C-alpha cells in the first residue's frame, strides 16, 4: 500500500471514529434532555404570577415527592434561571447526574454537602454549560452585565418548608489559585475578623453596582451561587445574595 492510500485509510478511520463519538454524544444528550423534560414538566406551571415567578407550593411538593435528594428549588423571575437543587453526601455525585439519577454531563444544581438551611451562608453549585446558555447556572455569567443584573437582581430559593427571597449584593470572580486563602464557603461569621475579611474581599472584587446599596451585615443570612468561568478553568463566578424575606409554605 502506497503512502497516499495509507493516508486515505487513516483519514477514513478518523472520520468514522469522530462520527461514532458524535452520534454517541447526541444520543446521550437526547436521553438527558428527555429525562430533564420529564421532571420539569412535573413542576413547571404555565401560570406566571404578577411577580414573574412560576413555582407553586403544589409543584414544589410534587418535585420533592418525585426525587428523594431534592433540597430545594431556585428560581429567578421571567425564566432567567429556574432549577431544582439537590444535595447528597458529597459534592461529586450531582456534577454528573440529573436529579432523577440519570447520568448527564450537565449535572444538577446542588447544595454543598456540608450546608444546612440553618447556616448563615448556603453555598450552591451548578455547571456553566458550554453548549447550552440556559442550562443549570449558565445564565449567571450574564449578571456581570450591569443592565442584565438590574433586571435580575432578586431570586427565590424554596428550601424544605420555606420560600426565601434574596437580593444580590455581590457579583465577583474567584480564582482558585490566587484567592486560595479566601473561603467563600464560610457558613457562619463567628468573629468580627471573619466578617471583615469577607466584606473586604467582596468589595475588592465587586463587578457590578448593587441596587438599593445592598450589602451583607454580620448577622444577615445569605446564599452564594458558584459556577465556572468559561475558558478559564481556575476561575469561578460567585453570586452572593442577601436574604430579604422568608415565608413558611
Protein backbone atom coordinates (compact mmCIF):
# COMPACT_ATOMS: atom_id res chain seq x y z
CA UNK A 1 0.00 0.00 0.00
CA UNK A 2 1.49 3.34 -1.04
CA UNK A 3 1.65 6.40 1.19
CA UNK A 4 -1.36 8.09 -0.46
CA UNK A 5 -3.66 5.11 0.10
CA UNK A 6 -2.44 4.75 3.67
CA UNK A 7 -3.27 8.38 4.41
CA UNK A 8 -6.73 7.97 2.87
CA UNK A 9 -7.38 4.88 5.02
CA UNK A 10 -6.25 6.65 8.17
CA UNK A 11 -8.37 9.70 7.36
CA UNK A 12 -11.37 7.45 6.76
CA UNK A 13 -10.92 5.76 10.14
CA UNK A 14 -10.66 9.12 11.86
CA UNK A 15 -13.89 10.29 10.22
CA UNK A 16 -15.66 7.07 11.24
CA UNK A 17 -14.42 7.39 14.83
CA UNK A 18 -15.49 11.03 15.01
CA UNK A 19 -18.88 10.12 13.59
CA UNK A 20 -19.29 7.34 16.15
CA UNK A 21 -18.47 9.56 19.11
CA UNK A 22 -20.60 12.40 17.77
CA UNK A 23 -23.52 10.01 17.36
CA UNK A 24 -22.99 8.64 20.84
CA UNK A 25 -22.84 12.16 22.28
CA UNK A 26 -26.06 13.16 20.51
CA UNK A 27 -27.83 10.03 21.77
CA UNK A 28 -26.68 10.72 25.33
CA UNK A 29 -27.74 14.35 25.04
CA UNK A 30 -31.18 13.34 23.76
CA UNK A 31 -31.58 10.91 26.67
CA UNK A 32 -30.53 13.61 29.13
CA UNK A 33 -32.98 16.13 27.67
CA UNK A 34 -35.82 13.61 27.78
CA UNK A 35 -35.13 12.85 31.44
CA UNK A 36 -34.89 16.55 32.27
CA UNK A 37 -38.17 17.31 30.49
CA UNK A 38 -40.00 14.60 32.46
CA UNK A 39 -39.01 16.28 35.72
CA UNK A 40 -39.55 19.86 34.59
CA UNK A 41 -42.98 19.02 33.18
CA UNK A 42 -44.00 17.94 36.67
CA UNK A 43 -43.06 21.20 38.31
CA UNK A 44 -43.41 23.94 35.71
CA UNK A 45 -46.65 25.83 35.51
CA UNK A 46 -47.99 27.86 32.60
CA UNK A 47 -49.29 30.38 35.09
CA UNK A 48 -46.86 33.21 35.73
CA UNK A 49 -47.61 35.41 38.72
CA UNK A 50 -47.52 39.19 38.65
CA UNK A 51 -44.01 38.95 40.09
CA UNK A 52 -42.77 36.77 37.21
CA UNK A 53 -42.32 33.57 39.25
CA UNK A 54 -43.82 30.22 38.19
CA UNK A 55 -43.09 27.81 41.04
CA UNK A 56 -46.05 27.00 43.28
CA UNK A 57 -46.34 25.11 46.56
CA UNK A 58 -48.13 22.27 44.77
CA UNK A 59 -45.41 21.96 42.11
CA UNK A 60 -42.66 22.10 44.73
CA UNK A 61 -44.27 19.29 46.71
CA UNK A 62 -44.57 17.18 43.54
CA UNK A 63 -40.85 17.64 42.92
CA UNK A 64 -39.97 16.59 46.47
CA UNK A 65 -42.20 13.52 46.18
CA UNK A 66 -40.60 12.54 42.86
CA UNK A 67 -36.91 12.92 43.81
CA UNK A 68 -35.58 11.98 47.24
CA UNK A 69 -32.44 14.16 47.12
CA UNK A 70 -34.29 17.42 46.48
CA UNK A 71 -33.00 20.10 48.85
CA UNK A 72 -34.85 22.97 47.21
CA UNK A 73 -35.60 24.91 44.06
CA UNK A 74 -34.01 28.13 42.82
CA UNK A 75 -35.92 30.49 40.55
CA UNK A 76 -35.27 33.91 39.08
CA UNK A 77 -38.36 35.66 37.67
CA UNK A 78 -39.30 35.56 34.00
CA UNK A 79 -37.37 32.35 33.24
CA UNK A 80 -33.90 33.85 33.61
CA UNK A 81 -32.96 30.76 35.63
CA UNK A 82 -35.10 28.00 37.11
CA UNK A 83 -33.58 24.80 38.50
CA UNK A 84 -34.16 22.10 41.13
CA UNK A 85 -31.49 21.95 43.84
CA UNK A 86 -30.16 18.60 45.03
CA UNK A 87 -27.97 17.61 47.96
CA UNK A 88 -26.06 14.39 48.58
CA UNK A 89 -23.39 13.08 50.93
CA UNK A 90 -20.61 14.50 48.73
CA UNK A 91 -20.01 17.31 46.24
CA UNK A 92 -19.24 14.99 43.33
CA UNK A 93 -22.35 12.94 42.52
CA UNK A 94 -24.53 15.73 41.13
CA UNK A 95 -21.73 17.07 38.97
CA UNK A 96 -22.59 14.22 36.60
CA UNK A 97 -26.17 13.18 37.46
CA UNK A 98 -29.57 14.74 36.95
CA UNK A 99 -31.95 14.97 39.90
CA UNK A 100 -33.54 11.60 38.98
CA UNK A 101 -30.08 9.86 38.95
CA UNK A 102 -29.76 9.86 35.15
CA UNK A 103 -26.10 10.30 34.14
CA UNK A 104 -25.55 13.65 32.44
CA UNK A 105 -22.65 15.95 31.62
CA UNK A 106 -24.78 18.91 32.76
CA UNK A 107 -25.25 17.56 36.26
CA UNK A 108 -27.74 19.16 38.66
CA UNK A 109 -27.59 22.37 40.64
CA UNK A 110 -26.71 21.23 44.16
CA UNK A 111 -26.20 22.50 47.69
CA UNK A 112 -22.85 21.98 49.38
CA UNK A 113 -22.94 18.66 51.24
CA UNK A 114 -21.86 20.35 54.48
CA UNK A 115 -24.55 23.05 54.38
CA UNK A 116 -27.91 23.09 56.11
CA UNK A 117 -30.77 25.54 55.82
CA UNK A 118 -29.87 26.82 59.29
CA UNK A 119 -26.44 28.07 58.21
CA UNK A 120 -25.88 31.79 57.78
CA UNK A 121 -24.43 31.13 54.31
CA UNK A 122 -25.68 28.39 51.98
CA UNK A 123 -23.37 27.56 49.05
CA UNK A 124 -24.96 26.22 45.86
CA UNK A 125 -23.06 24.95 42.81
CA UNK A 126 -24.03 24.48 39.18
CA UNK A 127 -22.31 23.92 35.84
CA UNK A 128 -21.76 26.69 33.31
CA UNK A 129 -22.69 24.55 30.30
CA UNK A 130 -20.64 25.46 27.22
CA UNK A 131 -23.21 24.28 24.67
CA UNK A 132 -26.41 25.43 26.42
CA UNK A 133 -26.61 29.02 27.63
CA UNK A 134 -29.87 28.36 29.55
CA UNK A 135 -28.86 25.17 31.37
CA UNK A 136 -28.04 24.94 35.09
CA UNK A 137 -26.05 28.01 36.21
CA UNK A 138 -25.01 29.13 32.71
CA UNK A 139 -27.16 32.31 32.84
CA UNK A 140 -25.29 33.59 35.90
CA UNK A 141 -22.34 34.81 33.82
CA UNK A 142 -24.69 37.38 32.26
CA UNK A 143 -25.06 39.09 35.64
CA UNK A 144 -21.66 40.71 35.11
CA UNK A 145 -23.53 42.99 32.69
CA UNK A 146 -25.00 45.83 34.76
CA UNK A 147 -28.20 46.08 32.71
CA UNK A 148 -28.87 42.32 32.90
CA UNK A 149 -28.09 42.37 36.61
CA UNK A 150 -30.56 45.18 37.28
CA UNK A 151 -33.31 43.17 35.57
CA UNK A 152 -32.47 40.02 37.59
CA UNK A 153 -31.25 41.23 40.97
CA UNK A 154 -33.63 39.10 43.05
CA UNK A 155 -34.48 35.40 43.15
CA UNK A 156 -36.26 32.84 45.29
CA UNK A 157 -34.96 29.71 46.97
CA UNK A 158 -37.50 27.12 48.05
CA UNK A 159 -35.84 25.07 50.79
CA UNK A 160 -37.60 22.43 52.87
CA UNK A 161 -40.76 24.10 54.17
CA UNK A 162 -39.72 27.68 53.41
CA UNK A 163 -39.64 30.10 50.50
CA UNK A 164 -36.82 32.62 50.81
CA UNK A 165 -36.25 35.72 48.69
CA UNK A 166 -32.75 37.07 48.09
CA UNK A 167 -31.29 40.26 46.66
CA UNK A 168 -27.87 40.10 45.03
CA UNK A 169 -25.22 42.11 46.84
CA UNK A 170 -22.05 40.98 45.06
CA UNK A 171 -21.07 39.57 41.67
CA UNK A 172 -17.41 38.57 41.77
CA UNK A 173 -14.85 36.24 40.19
CA UNK A 174 -12.86 33.92 42.45
CA UNK A 175 -9.53 32.45 41.32
CA UNK A 176 -8.89 29.02 42.87
CA UNK A 177 -5.14 29.71 42.95
CA UNK A 178 -4.77 33.44 43.52
CA UNK A 179 -7.61 33.58 46.06
CA UNK A 180 -6.96 30.24 47.75
CA UNK A 181 -6.73 31.88 51.17
CA UNK A 182 -10.28 33.23 50.88
CA UNK A 183 -13.05 30.79 51.85
CA UNK A 184 -16.27 31.86 50.15
CA UNK A 185 -17.97 28.76 51.56
CA UNK A 186 -17.75 30.00 55.14
CA UNK A 187 -21.02 29.00 56.80
CA UNK A 188 -21.11 31.46 59.71
CA UNK A 189 -19.32 34.62 60.82
CA UNK A 190 -18.04 33.51 64.21
CA UNK A 191 -15.80 36.55 64.72
CA UNK A 192 -15.62 40.16 63.61
CA UNK A 193 -12.39 39.37 61.78
CA UNK A 194 -14.08 36.68 59.67
CA UNK A 195 -16.78 39.14 58.68
CA UNK A 196 -14.33 41.95 57.91
CA UNK A 197 -12.13 39.69 55.77
CA UNK A 198 -15.21 38.55 53.86
CA UNK A 199 -16.53 42.06 53.17
CA UNK A 200 -13.10 43.38 52.23
CA UNK A 201 -12.60 40.64 49.65
CA UNK A 202 -16.08 41.10 48.21
CA UNK A 203 -15.71 44.86 47.89
CA UNK A 204 -12.31 44.49 46.24
CA UNK A 205 -13.62 42.04 43.62
CA UNK A 206 -17.07 43.55 43.02
CA UNK A 207 -18.06 43.65 39.31
CA UNK A 208 -21.43 45.42 39.50
CA UNK A 209 -23.18 48.29 41.25
CA UNK A 210 -25.77 46.67 43.56
CA UNK A 211 -29.29 48.06 43.67
CA UNK A 212 -30.56 49.74 46.84
CA UNK A 213 -26.94 49.75 48.09
CA UNK A 214 -27.46 46.16 49.20
CA UNK A 215 -24.74 44.87 51.49
CA UNK A 216 -24.34 41.92 53.84
CA UNK A 217 -24.26 42.66 57.56
CA UNK A 218 -22.57 40.39 60.07
CA UNK A 219 -25.93 38.98 61.21
CA UNK A 220 -27.55 38.59 57.76
CA UNK A 221 -28.38 35.26 56.16
CA UNK A 222 -27.17 34.92 52.61
CA UNK A 223 -26.56 32.46 49.80
CA UNK A 224 -23.58 32.00 47.48
CA UNK A 225 -24.13 30.70 43.93
CA UNK A 226 -20.99 29.37 42.26
CA UNK A 227 -20.28 28.40 38.65
CA UNK A 228 -17.27 28.16 36.35
CA UNK A 229 -15.95 30.93 34.11
CA UNK A 230 -15.86 29.63 30.54
CA UNK A 231 -12.38 29.05 29.09
CA UNK A 232 -10.79 29.89 32.46
CA UNK A 233 -10.61 26.63 34.40
CA UNK A 234 -9.25 28.20 37.58
CA UNK A 235 -11.89 30.94 37.88
CA UNK A 236 -15.40 30.86 39.36
CA UNK A 237 -18.28 33.32 39.30
CA UNK A 238 -19.64 33.99 42.79
CA UNK A 239 -23.11 35.46 43.13
CA UNK A 240 -23.60 36.46 46.76
CA UNK A 241 -27.14 37.44 47.77
CA UNK A 242 -28.71 38.66 50.99
CA UNK A 243 -31.93 37.15 52.33
CA UNK A 244 -34.65 39.81 52.42
CA UNK A 245 -37.75 37.71 53.10
CA UNK A 246 -38.73 34.28 54.44
CA UNK A 247 -42.13 32.59 54.39
CA UNK A 248 -43.41 29.24 55.62
CA UNK A 249 -45.09 27.17 52.89
